Amino acid sequence: MINLILYLLLFFSFHQFATSANPANPNGATNFIRTACRETLYPQLCLQCLSKYAHKIQQNERQLASAAIEVSLTRARSTASFVSKFYGLKGIKPREYQAIKDCIDNMGDSVEQLSQSLRELEKTNSAAGGGQDFMWHISNVQTWVSAALTDDNTCLDGFSGSSMNGKLKVAIRNRVVHVAQVTSNALALINRFAERHRRP
């Protein structure tokens, strides 16, 4: 029974991620995104996720960072919901149960921190470019996104070891790794935005 549930969850989750990406459109905004994404650890994933926001991003560093956080937030929420479906599932070992419970908490924290960072990033609109207020707000954004990435990795740590159910481990790790990768990319783009607006 658990294998059938895992199969169905994996099928629908991968279908959701596959259909959420739009092909890049050849314009100035997409070229801007492609160039920025080269500064991330996962440039292809970065371009794939952000190209559908090209009309909103244009060539604006703040909008680029905002879209990257939005992608991370959406994926973190989806993954938190995905992991919660395993909670209380029959046939789960005590260690797996605890890892799932901890991961739900971690992903919940990640969602909250990304939400906070998105709100904080908006405050840089009214802050003087590169001034003290700007640096205060952008520093908060960097801190919260970094904390969200730490939570993602903490969730992954809980599923390490050979004693975990192989299919359960793969099902959850694949989703959380994806969230960690887009969050890593978001942090890189936030750092890029901060660096380009930092006063000498």
N, C-alpha and C. Protein backbone atom coordinates (compact mmCIF):
# COMPACT_ATOMS: atom_id res chain seq x y z
N MET A 1 0.82 -1.21 0.00
CA MET A 1 0.00 0.00 0.00
C MET A 1 0.86 1.26 0.00
N ILE A 2 1.91 1.24 0.86
CA ILE A 2 2.80 2.41 0.93
C ILE A 2 3.51 2.65 -0.39
N ASN A 3 3.85 1.56 -1.12
CA ASN A 3 4.52 1.71 -2.41
C ASN A 3 3.61 2.37 -3.44
N LEU A 4 2.32 2.02 -3.43
CA LEU A 4 1.36 2.63 -4.35
C LEU A 4 1.19 4.10 -4.05
N ILE A 5 1.10 4.45 -2.77
CA ILE A 5 0.95 5.85 -2.37
C ILE A 5 2.18 6.65 -2.76
N LEU A 6 3.36 6.06 -2.54
CA LEU A 6 4.61 6.74 -2.93
C LEU A 6 4.65 6.97 -4.43
N TYR A 7 4.24 5.97 -5.20
CA TYR A 7 4.26 6.09 -6.65
C TYR A 7 3.35 7.22 -7.11
N LEU A 8 2.13 7.27 -6.56
CA LEU A 8 1.17 8.29 -6.97
C LEU A 8 1.64 9.69 -6.58
N LEU A 9 2.20 9.81 -5.37
CA LEU A 9 2.70 11.11 -4.93
C LEU A 9 3.86 11.58 -5.79
N LEU A 10 4.76 10.65 -6.12
CA LEU A 10 5.89 11.01 -6.98
C LEU A 10 5.42 11.42 -8.37
N PHE A 11 4.47 10.67 -8.93
CA PHE A 11 3.98 10.97 -10.27
C PHE A 11 3.38 12.35 -10.35
N PHE A 12 2.49 12.66 -9.42
CA PHE A 12 1.81 13.95 -9.47
C PHE A 12 2.74 15.11 -9.10
N SER A 13 3.70 14.86 -8.21
CA SER A 13 4.62 15.93 -7.83
C SER A 13 5.55 16.29 -8.98
N PHE A 14 6.08 15.27 -9.68
CA PHE A 14 6.97 15.55 -10.81
C PHE A 14 6.19 16.19 -11.96
N HIS A 15 4.93 15.77 -12.14
CA HIS A 15 4.10 16.38 -13.18
C HIS A 15 3.88 17.86 -12.88
N GLN A 16 3.65 18.16 -11.62
CA GLN A 16 3.43 19.55 -11.23
C GLN A 16 4.65 20.40 -11.52
N PHE A 17 5.85 19.91 -11.15
CA PHE A 17 7.07 20.67 -11.39
C PHE A 17 7.36 20.80 -12.88
N ALA A 18 7.08 19.75 -13.63
CA ALA A 18 7.36 19.78 -15.07
C ALA A 18 6.48 20.78 -15.79
N THR A 19 5.22 20.89 -15.37
CA THR A 19 4.30 21.78 -16.07
C THR A 19 4.40 23.22 -15.59
N SER A 20 5.16 23.46 -14.52
CA SER A 20 5.24 24.82 -13.99
C SER A 20 6.29 25.66 -14.70
N ALA A 21 7.16 25.03 -15.48
CA ALA A 21 8.23 25.76 -16.16
C ALA A 21 7.83 26.09 -17.59
N ASN A 22 8.04 27.33 -17.96
CA ASN A 22 7.80 27.77 -19.33
C ASN A 22 9.11 27.89 -20.06
N PRO A 23 9.13 27.64 -21.35
CA PRO A 23 10.39 27.80 -22.10
C PRO A 23 10.80 29.26 -22.14
N ALA A 24 12.11 29.47 -22.15
CA ALA A 24 12.61 30.84 -22.19
C ALA A 24 12.23 31.51 -23.50
N ASN A 25 11.83 32.78 -23.40
CA ASN A 25 11.51 33.53 -24.61
C ASN A 25 12.68 34.43 -24.96
N PRO A 26 13.05 34.51 -26.23
CA PRO A 26 14.26 35.25 -26.63
C PRO A 26 14.05 36.76 -26.62
N ASN A 27 14.27 37.40 -25.52
CA ASN A 27 14.19 38.85 -25.44
C ASN A 27 15.20 39.37 -24.44
N GLY A 28 15.25 40.70 -24.28
CA GLY A 28 16.23 41.30 -23.39
C GLY A 28 16.10 40.85 -21.96
N ALA A 29 14.84 40.68 -21.50
CA ALA A 29 14.62 40.26 -20.12
C ALA A 29 15.17 38.86 -19.88
N THR A 30 14.95 37.96 -20.82
CA THR A 30 15.44 36.59 -20.66
C THR A 30 16.97 36.55 -20.69
N ASN A 31 17.57 37.36 -21.54
CA ASN A 31 19.03 37.44 -21.57
C ASN A 31 19.58 37.98 -20.25
N PHE A 32 18.86 38.94 -19.68
CA PHE A 32 19.24 39.50 -18.38
C PHE A 32 19.19 38.41 -17.31
N ILE A 33 18.12 37.63 -17.32
CA ILE A 33 17.96 36.54 -16.36
C ILE A 33 19.04 35.49 -16.55
N ARG A 34 19.31 35.14 -17.82
CA ARG A 34 20.33 34.13 -18.11
C ARG A 34 21.70 34.57 -17.58
N THR A 35 22.04 35.83 -17.79
CA THR A 35 23.32 36.36 -17.33
C THR A 35 23.41 36.32 -15.82
N ALA A 36 22.33 36.73 -15.15
CA ALA A 36 22.31 36.73 -13.69
C ALA A 36 22.40 35.30 -13.14
N CYS A 37 21.72 34.39 -13.80
CA CYS A 37 21.70 33.00 -13.33
C CYS A 37 23.07 32.33 -13.40
N ARG A 38 23.96 32.85 -14.22
CA ARG A 38 25.31 32.29 -14.30
C ARG A 38 26.06 32.46 -12.98
N GLU A 39 25.58 33.35 -12.12
CA GLU A 39 26.23 33.58 -10.83
C GLU A 39 25.68 32.65 -9.74
N THR A 40 24.76 31.79 -10.09
CA THR A 40 24.18 30.86 -9.13
C THR A 40 24.83 29.49 -9.24
N LEU A 41 24.56 28.62 -8.27
CA LEU A 41 25.12 27.27 -8.30
C LEU A 41 24.39 26.37 -9.29
N TYR A 42 23.15 26.71 -9.61
CA TYR A 42 22.33 25.88 -10.50
C TYR A 42 21.74 26.77 -11.61
N PRO A 43 22.59 27.21 -12.53
CA PRO A 43 22.15 28.19 -13.53
C PRO A 43 21.02 27.73 -14.44
N GLN A 44 21.03 26.46 -14.86
CA GLN A 44 19.96 25.97 -15.74
C GLN A 44 18.63 25.95 -15.01
N LEU A 45 18.63 25.48 -13.78
CA LEU A 45 17.42 25.48 -12.96
C LEU A 45 16.95 26.91 -12.73
N CYS A 46 17.87 27.80 -12.47
CA CYS A 46 17.57 29.22 -12.26
C CYS A 46 16.84 29.80 -13.47
N LEU A 47 17.38 29.59 -14.65
CA LEU A 47 16.78 30.11 -15.87
C LEU A 47 15.41 29.48 -16.12
N GLN A 48 15.33 28.18 -15.91
CA GLN A 48 14.08 27.46 -16.12
C GLN A 48 12.97 28.01 -15.22
N CYS A 49 13.30 28.26 -13.96
CA CYS A 49 12.30 28.73 -13.00
C CYS A 49 11.91 30.19 -13.21
N LEU A 50 12.88 31.02 -13.60
CA LEU A 50 12.63 32.47 -13.63
C LEU A 50 12.24 33.01 -15.00
N SER A 51 12.44 32.24 -16.06
CA SER A 51 12.13 32.76 -17.40
C SER A 51 10.65 33.10 -17.55
N LYS A 52 9.79 32.38 -16.84
CA LYS A 52 8.35 32.67 -16.96
C LYS A 52 7.97 33.98 -16.28
N TYR A 53 8.90 34.54 -15.48
CA TYR A 53 8.67 35.84 -14.83
C TYR A 53 9.32 36.98 -15.62
N ALA A 54 9.80 36.69 -16.83
CA ALA A 54 10.56 37.68 -17.60
C ALA A 54 9.78 38.99 -17.79
N HIS A 55 8.47 38.88 -18.04
CA HIS A 55 7.66 40.08 -18.27
C HIS A 55 7.62 40.96 -17.03
N LYS A 56 7.73 40.35 -15.86
CA LYS A 56 7.71 41.10 -14.60
C LYS A 56 9.11 41.60 -14.24
N ILE A 57 10.11 40.77 -14.48
CA ILE A 57 11.48 41.10 -14.10
C ILE A 57 12.07 42.18 -14.99
N GLN A 58 11.83 42.06 -16.32
CA GLN A 58 12.46 42.94 -17.30
C GLN A 58 13.98 42.90 -17.07
N GLN A 59 14.57 44.03 -16.67
CA GLN A 59 16.00 44.03 -16.35
C GLN A 59 16.22 44.68 -14.99
N ASN A 60 15.34 44.34 -14.06
CA ASN A 60 15.32 44.94 -12.73
C ASN A 60 15.87 43.94 -11.70
N GLU A 61 16.95 44.32 -11.03
CA GLU A 61 17.61 43.43 -10.08
C GLU A 61 16.69 43.08 -8.90
N ARG A 62 15.93 44.07 -8.41
CA ARG A 62 15.04 43.81 -7.28
C ARG A 62 13.94 42.83 -7.67
N GLN A 63 13.36 43.04 -8.85
CA GLN A 63 12.30 42.14 -9.31
C GLN A 63 12.84 40.72 -9.55
N LEU A 64 14.09 40.65 -9.98
CA LEU A 64 14.72 39.34 -10.18
C LEU A 64 14.85 38.61 -8.85
N ALA A 65 15.34 39.31 -7.84
CA ALA A 65 15.48 38.72 -6.51
C ALA A 65 14.12 38.33 -5.93
N SER A 66 13.14 39.20 -6.14
CA SER A 66 11.79 38.95 -5.64
C SER A 66 11.18 37.70 -6.29
N ALA A 67 11.33 37.58 -7.59
CA ALA A 67 10.80 36.42 -8.30
C ALA A 67 11.49 35.14 -7.83
N ALA A 68 12.78 35.22 -7.57
CA ALA A 68 13.52 34.04 -7.10
C ALA A 68 13.02 33.58 -5.74
N ILE A 69 12.72 34.55 -4.86
CA ILE A 69 12.18 34.20 -3.55
C ILE A 69 10.78 33.61 -3.70
N GLU A 70 9.98 34.19 -4.60
CA GLU A 70 8.63 33.67 -4.84
C GLU A 70 8.68 32.21 -5.29
N VAL A 71 9.61 31.89 -6.18
CA VAL A 71 9.77 30.51 -6.64
C VAL A 71 10.10 29.61 -5.45
N SER A 72 11.04 30.02 -4.62
CA SER A 72 11.44 29.23 -3.46
C SER A 72 10.26 29.04 -2.50
N LEU A 73 9.52 30.11 -2.28
CA LEU A 73 8.38 30.06 -1.36
C LEU A 73 7.31 29.10 -1.88
N THR A 74 7.01 29.19 -3.16
CA THR A 74 6.00 28.31 -3.76
C THR A 74 6.42 26.85 -3.64
N ARG A 75 7.69 26.56 -3.95
CA ARG A 75 8.17 25.19 -3.90
C ARG A 75 8.25 24.69 -2.45
N ALA A 76 8.61 25.58 -1.52
CA ALA A 76 8.69 25.18 -0.11
C ALA A 76 7.30 24.83 0.42
N ARG A 77 6.30 25.63 0.07
CA ARG A 77 4.93 25.34 0.50
C ARG A 77 4.45 24.01 -0.07
N SER A 78 4.71 23.82 -1.35
CA SER A 78 4.30 22.58 -2.00
C SER A 78 4.97 21.37 -1.36
N THR A 79 6.24 21.50 -1.04
CA THR A 79 6.98 20.40 -0.44
C THR A 79 6.53 20.12 0.99
N ALA A 80 6.23 21.18 1.74
CA ALA A 80 5.71 21.00 3.09
C ALA A 80 4.41 20.21 3.05
N SER A 81 3.55 20.53 2.09
CA SER A 81 2.29 19.81 1.92
C SER A 81 2.54 18.36 1.52
N PHE A 82 3.51 18.17 0.62
CA PHE A 82 3.86 16.83 0.14
C PHE A 82 4.34 15.95 1.29
N VAL A 83 5.26 16.46 2.09
CA VAL A 83 5.84 15.68 3.19
C VAL A 83 4.77 15.36 4.24
N SER A 84 3.86 16.31 4.47
CA SER A 84 2.83 16.09 5.49
C SER A 84 1.91 14.92 5.14
N LYS A 85 1.83 14.56 3.86
CA LYS A 85 0.98 13.45 3.45
C LYS A 85 1.50 12.10 3.96
N PHE A 86 2.77 12.06 4.33
CA PHE A 86 3.35 10.83 4.85
C PHE A 86 3.17 10.70 6.36
N TYR A 87 2.75 11.78 6.99
CA TYR A 87 2.62 11.80 8.45
C TYR A 87 1.49 10.86 8.87
N GLY A 88 1.80 9.90 9.72
CA GLY A 88 0.79 8.97 10.18
C GLY A 88 0.50 7.83 9.22
N LEU A 89 1.27 7.73 8.14
CA LEU A 89 1.07 6.66 7.17
C LEU A 89 1.44 5.31 7.79
N LYS A 90 0.62 4.30 7.57
CA LYS A 90 0.88 2.98 8.14
C LYS A 90 2.13 2.37 7.52
N GLY A 91 2.88 1.65 8.35
CA GLY A 91 4.09 1.00 7.87
C GLY A 91 5.34 1.84 8.03
N ILE A 92 5.20 3.06 8.57
CA ILE A 92 6.36 3.93 8.76
C ILE A 92 7.09 3.54 10.05
N LYS A 93 8.42 3.41 9.96
CA LYS A 93 9.23 3.09 11.12
C LYS A 93 9.32 4.31 12.05
N PRO A 94 9.60 4.08 13.34
CA PRO A 94 9.71 5.21 14.29
C PRO A 94 10.70 6.27 13.84
N ARG A 95 11.87 5.85 13.31
CA ARG A 95 12.86 6.85 12.89
C ARG A 95 12.36 7.64 11.69
N GLU A 96 11.67 6.96 10.78
CA GLU A 96 11.10 7.64 9.61
C GLU A 96 10.01 8.62 10.04
N TYR A 97 9.20 8.18 10.99
CA TYR A 97 8.14 9.03 11.52
C TYR A 97 8.73 10.31 12.10
N GLN A 98 9.81 10.16 12.89
CA GLN A 98 10.44 11.33 13.50
C GLN A 98 11.06 12.24 12.44
N ALA A 99 11.70 11.63 11.43
CA ALA A 99 12.32 12.42 10.36
C ALA A 99 11.26 13.21 9.59
N ILE A 100 10.12 12.58 9.35
CA ILE A 100 9.02 13.26 8.65
C ILE A 100 8.49 14.41 9.50
N LYS A 101 8.28 14.15 10.78
CA LYS A 101 7.78 15.19 11.70
C LYS A 101 8.74 16.38 11.74
N ASP A 102 10.03 16.08 11.88
CA ASP A 102 11.03 17.15 11.92
C ASP A 102 11.07 17.92 10.61
N CYS A 103 10.95 17.19 9.49
CA CYS A 103 11.01 17.83 8.18
C CYS A 103 9.81 18.76 7.98
N ILE A 104 8.64 18.35 8.44
CA ILE A 104 7.46 19.21 8.34
C ILE A 104 7.70 20.51 9.10
N ASP A 105 8.31 20.40 10.29
CA ASP A 105 8.65 21.59 11.08
C ASP A 105 9.66 22.46 10.34
N ASN A 106 10.69 21.81 9.80
CA ASN A 106 11.74 22.54 9.06
C ASN A 106 11.16 23.28 7.86
N MET A 107 10.32 22.60 7.10
CA MET A 107 9.75 23.22 5.91
C MET A 107 8.78 24.34 6.29
N GLY A 108 8.09 24.17 7.41
CA GLY A 108 7.21 25.23 7.90
C GLY A 108 8.01 26.48 8.25
N ASP A 109 9.15 26.26 8.92
CA ASP A 109 10.04 27.39 9.25
C ASP A 109 10.57 28.04 7.98
N SER A 110 10.93 27.21 7.00
CA SER A 110 11.45 27.72 5.73
C SER A 110 10.41 28.60 5.04
N VAL A 111 9.17 28.15 5.03
CA VAL A 111 8.09 28.93 4.42
C VAL A 111 7.95 30.28 5.12
N GLU A 112 7.98 30.28 6.44
CA GLU A 112 7.83 31.52 7.20
C GLU A 112 8.99 32.48 6.93
N GLN A 113 10.21 31.94 6.89
CA GLN A 113 11.38 32.79 6.67
C GLN A 113 11.39 33.38 5.26
N LEU A 114 10.99 32.59 4.27
CA LEU A 114 10.91 33.10 2.90
C LEU A 114 9.82 34.15 2.77
N SER A 115 8.72 33.95 3.46
CA SER A 115 7.63 34.94 3.46
C SER A 115 8.11 36.26 4.07
N GLN A 116 8.84 36.16 5.18
CA GLN A 116 9.39 37.35 5.82
C GLN A 116 10.38 38.06 4.90
N SER A 117 11.22 37.29 4.24
CA SER A 117 12.23 37.88 3.37
C SER A 117 11.59 38.62 2.19
N LEU A 118 10.49 38.06 1.68
CA LEU A 118 9.80 38.70 0.56
C LEU A 118 9.21 40.04 0.99
N ARG A 119 8.62 40.06 2.18
CA ARG A 119 8.06 41.32 2.71
C ARG A 119 9.17 42.33 2.97
N GLU A 120 10.30 41.84 3.49
CA GLU A 120 11.41 42.73 3.80
C GLU A 120 12.04 43.30 2.52
N LEU A 121 12.10 42.48 1.48
CA LEU A 121 12.66 42.95 0.22
C LEU A 121 11.87 44.12 -0.35
N GLU A 122 10.56 44.10 -0.14
CA GLU A 122 9.71 45.19 -0.62
C GLU A 122 10.09 46.52 0.02
N LYS A 123 10.59 46.45 1.25
CA LYS A 123 10.96 47.68 1.96
C LYS A 123 12.19 48.36 1.35
N THR A 124 12.96 47.62 0.55
CA THR A 124 14.12 48.24 -0.10
C THR A 124 13.68 49.20 -1.19
N ASN A 125 12.40 49.12 -1.62
CA ASN A 125 11.89 50.05 -2.63
C ASN A 125 11.95 51.48 -2.15
N SER A 126 11.63 51.68 -0.86
CA SER A 126 11.57 53.04 -0.32
C SER A 126 12.87 53.46 0.36
N ALA A 127 13.81 52.52 0.47
CA ALA A 127 15.09 52.84 1.10
C ALA A 127 16.04 53.45 0.08
N ALA A 128 16.85 54.38 0.54
CA ALA A 128 17.82 55.02 -0.36
C ALA A 128 18.79 53.97 -0.87
N GLY A 129 18.99 53.95 -2.19
CA GLY A 129 19.84 52.93 -2.81
C GLY A 129 21.23 52.90 -2.21
N GLY A 130 21.58 51.79 -1.59
CA GLY A 130 22.92 51.62 -1.05
C GLY A 130 23.15 52.24 0.30
N GLY A 131 22.15 53.00 0.83
CA GLY A 131 22.31 53.66 2.12
C GLY A 131 22.11 52.71 3.28
N GLN A 132 22.12 53.30 4.51
CA GLN A 132 22.02 52.49 5.73
C GLN A 132 20.70 51.73 5.79
N ASP A 133 19.59 52.38 5.45
CA ASP A 133 18.29 51.73 5.50
C ASP A 133 18.23 50.55 4.53
N PHE A 134 18.75 50.79 3.33
CA PHE A 134 18.76 49.74 2.32
C PHE A 134 19.55 48.53 2.82
N MET A 135 20.74 48.79 3.35
CA MET A 135 21.60 47.70 3.79
C MET A 135 20.99 46.94 4.97
N TRP A 136 20.25 47.65 5.83
CA TRP A 136 19.58 47.00 6.95
C TRP A 136 18.54 46.01 6.43
N HIS A 137 17.70 46.46 5.49
CA HIS A 137 16.64 45.61 4.96
C HIS A 137 17.21 44.44 4.17
N ILE A 138 18.20 44.71 3.33
CA ILE A 138 18.74 43.63 2.49
C ILE A 138 19.50 42.61 3.34
N SER A 139 20.12 43.07 4.44
CA SER A 139 20.79 42.16 5.36
C SER A 139 19.78 41.21 6.01
N ASN A 140 18.61 41.72 6.35
CA ASN A 140 17.54 40.88 6.91
C ASN A 140 17.09 39.84 5.89
N VAL A 141 16.95 40.28 4.65
CA VAL A 141 16.55 39.35 3.58
C VAL A 141 17.57 38.22 3.46
N GLN A 142 18.84 38.59 3.42
CA GLN A 142 19.90 37.59 3.29
C GLN A 142 19.89 36.61 4.47
N THR A 143 19.67 37.14 5.66
CA THR A 143 19.66 36.29 6.86
C THR A 143 18.52 35.29 6.82
N TRP A 144 17.31 35.74 6.43
CA TRP A 144 16.15 34.86 6.44
C TRP A 144 16.22 33.81 5.33
N VAL A 145 16.70 34.20 4.16
CA VAL A 145 16.80 33.22 3.07
C VAL A 145 17.89 32.20 3.40
N SER A 146 18.96 32.65 4.01
CA SER A 146 20.02 31.74 4.44
C SER A 146 19.49 30.76 5.49
N ALA A 147 18.67 31.25 6.40
CA ALA A 147 18.07 30.40 7.44
C ALA A 147 17.13 29.37 6.81
N ALA A 148 16.37 29.80 5.78
CA ALA A 148 15.47 28.89 5.07
C ALA A 148 16.27 27.77 4.42
N LEU A 149 17.41 28.11 3.84
CA LEU A 149 18.28 27.11 3.21
C LEU A 149 18.82 26.13 4.25
N THR A 150 19.17 26.64 5.42
CA THR A 150 19.63 25.78 6.51
C THR A 150 18.54 24.80 6.93
N ASP A 151 17.30 25.28 7.00
CA ASP A 151 16.18 24.40 7.36
C ASP A 151 15.99 23.30 6.32
N ASP A 152 16.13 23.65 5.05
CA ASP A 152 16.03 22.64 3.99
C ASP A 152 17.07 21.54 4.19
N ASN A 153 18.29 21.96 4.46
CA ASN A 153 19.38 21.00 4.64
C ASN A 153 19.22 20.18 5.92
N THR A 154 18.65 20.79 6.95
CA THR A 154 18.38 20.06 8.19
C THR A 154 17.36 18.96 7.95
N CYS A 155 16.35 19.26 7.15
CA CYS A 155 15.36 18.24 6.78
C CYS A 155 16.05 17.09 6.06
N LEU A 156 16.94 17.39 5.14
CA LEU A 156 17.65 16.36 4.39
C LEU A 156 18.50 15.49 5.31
N ASP A 157 19.10 16.10 6.31
CA ASP A 157 19.95 15.35 7.24
C ASP A 157 19.16 14.25 7.95
N GLY A 158 17.88 14.51 8.18
CA GLY A 158 17.05 13.54 8.88
C GLY A 158 16.80 12.27 8.09
N PHE A 159 17.02 12.33 6.78
CA PHE A 159 16.78 11.17 5.93
C PHE A 159 18.06 10.50 5.46
N SER A 160 19.15 10.81 6.13
CA SER A 160 20.42 10.17 5.79
C SER A 160 20.49 8.80 6.47
N GLY A 161 21.31 7.94 5.95
CA GLY A 161 21.48 6.61 6.55
C GLY A 161 20.74 5.54 5.79
N SER A 162 21.27 4.33 5.85
CA SER A 162 20.72 3.22 5.07
C SER A 162 19.49 2.59 5.71
N SER A 163 19.19 2.95 6.96
CA SER A 163 18.05 2.33 7.64
C SER A 163 16.71 2.92 7.22
N MET A 164 16.74 4.00 6.47
CA MET A 164 15.50 4.63 6.02
C MET A 164 14.91 3.87 4.85
N ASN A 165 13.58 3.86 4.75
CA ASN A 165 12.90 3.25 3.62
C ASN A 165 13.37 3.91 2.33
N GLY A 166 13.88 3.10 1.40
CA GLY A 166 14.48 3.66 0.18
C GLY A 166 13.55 4.54 -0.61
N LYS A 167 12.32 4.07 -0.87
CA LYS A 167 11.39 4.85 -1.70
C LYS A 167 10.90 6.08 -0.98
N LEU A 168 10.66 5.95 0.32
CA LEU A 168 10.23 7.10 1.11
C LEU A 168 11.32 8.17 1.13
N LYS A 169 12.55 7.71 1.35
CA LYS A 169 13.71 8.61 1.39
C LYS A 169 13.87 9.35 0.07
N VAL A 170 13.80 8.62 -1.04
CA VAL A 170 13.97 9.24 -2.37
C VAL A 170 12.84 10.22 -2.65
N ALA A 171 11.62 9.82 -2.31
CA ALA A 171 10.45 10.66 -2.59
C ALA A 171 10.57 12.02 -1.91
N ILE A 172 10.96 12.02 -0.64
CA ILE A 172 11.05 13.27 0.10
C ILE A 172 12.32 14.03 -0.26
N ARG A 173 13.45 13.32 -0.33
CA ARG A 173 14.72 13.99 -0.62
C ARG A 173 14.69 14.71 -1.97
N ASN A 174 14.10 14.09 -2.98
CA ASN A 174 14.04 14.74 -4.30
C ASN A 174 13.34 16.08 -4.24
N ARG A 175 12.24 16.14 -3.50
CA ARG A 175 11.50 17.39 -3.38
C ARG A 175 12.27 18.43 -2.58
N VAL A 176 12.85 18.00 -1.46
CA VAL A 176 13.54 18.95 -0.59
C VAL A 176 14.84 19.44 -1.24
N VAL A 177 15.54 18.55 -1.94
CA VAL A 177 16.74 18.97 -2.66
C VAL A 177 16.39 20.06 -3.68
N HIS A 178 15.28 19.89 -4.37
CA HIS A 178 14.84 20.90 -5.34
C HIS A 178 14.60 22.24 -4.65
N VAL A 179 13.93 22.22 -3.51
CA VAL A 179 13.69 23.46 -2.76
C VAL A 179 15.01 24.09 -2.34
N ALA A 180 15.94 23.27 -1.85
CA ALA A 180 17.24 23.78 -1.43
C ALA A 180 17.99 24.42 -2.59
N GLN A 181 17.88 23.82 -3.77
CA GLN A 181 18.58 24.37 -4.94
C GLN A 181 18.00 25.71 -5.38
N VAL A 182 16.67 25.82 -5.43
CA VAL A 182 16.09 27.11 -5.86
C VAL A 182 16.30 28.17 -4.78
N THR A 183 16.37 27.74 -3.51
CA THR A 183 16.63 28.70 -2.44
C THR A 183 18.08 29.17 -2.48
N SER A 184 18.98 28.26 -2.79
CA SER A 184 20.39 28.63 -2.97
C SER A 184 20.52 29.65 -4.11
N ASN A 185 19.80 29.41 -5.19
CA ASN A 185 19.82 30.34 -6.31
C ASN A 185 19.26 31.70 -5.90
N ALA A 186 18.18 31.68 -5.15
CA ALA A 186 17.57 32.93 -4.69
C ALA A 186 18.56 33.73 -3.85
N LEU A 187 19.27 33.05 -2.95
CA LEU A 187 20.25 33.74 -2.11
C LEU A 187 21.36 34.35 -2.95
N ALA A 188 21.82 33.65 -3.97
CA ALA A 188 22.85 34.18 -4.85
C ALA A 188 22.37 35.44 -5.58
N LEU A 189 21.12 35.44 -6.01
CA LEU A 189 20.58 36.61 -6.72
C LEU A 189 20.32 37.78 -5.78
N ILE A 190 19.98 37.47 -4.53
CA ILE A 190 19.83 38.53 -3.52
C ILE A 190 21.19 39.16 -3.25
N ASN A 191 22.22 38.32 -3.11
CA ASN A 191 23.57 38.83 -2.90
C ASN A 191 24.03 39.69 -4.08
N ARG A 192 23.66 39.28 -5.28
CA ARG A 192 23.98 40.05 -6.49
C ARG A 192 23.31 41.42 -6.43
N PHE A 193 22.03 41.43 -6.06
CA PHE A 193 21.28 42.67 -5.93
C PHE A 193 21.91 43.59 -4.89
N ALA A 194 22.28 43.01 -3.74
CA ALA A 194 22.89 43.80 -2.67
C ALA A 194 24.22 44.40 -3.11
N GLU A 195 25.03 43.59 -3.78
CA GLU A 195 26.35 44.04 -4.20
C GLU A 195 26.26 45.18 -5.22
N ARG A 196 25.30 45.12 -6.11
CA ARG A 196 25.16 46.15 -7.14
C ARG A 196 24.55 47.45 -6.61
N HIS A 197 24.01 47.41 -5.40
CA HIS A 197 23.43 48.61 -4.81
C HIS A 197 24.17 49.08 -3.57
N ARG A 198 25.30 48.42 -3.29
CA ARG A 198 26.10 48.81 -2.13
C ARG A 198 26.92 50.05 -2.46
N ARG A 199 26.83 51.05 -1.59
CA ARG A 199 27.63 52.26 -1.82
C ARG A 199 29.09 52.00 -1.52
N PRO A 200 29.98 52.54 -2.33
CA PRO A 200 31.42 52.35 -2.09
C PRO A 200 31.87 53.02 -0.80
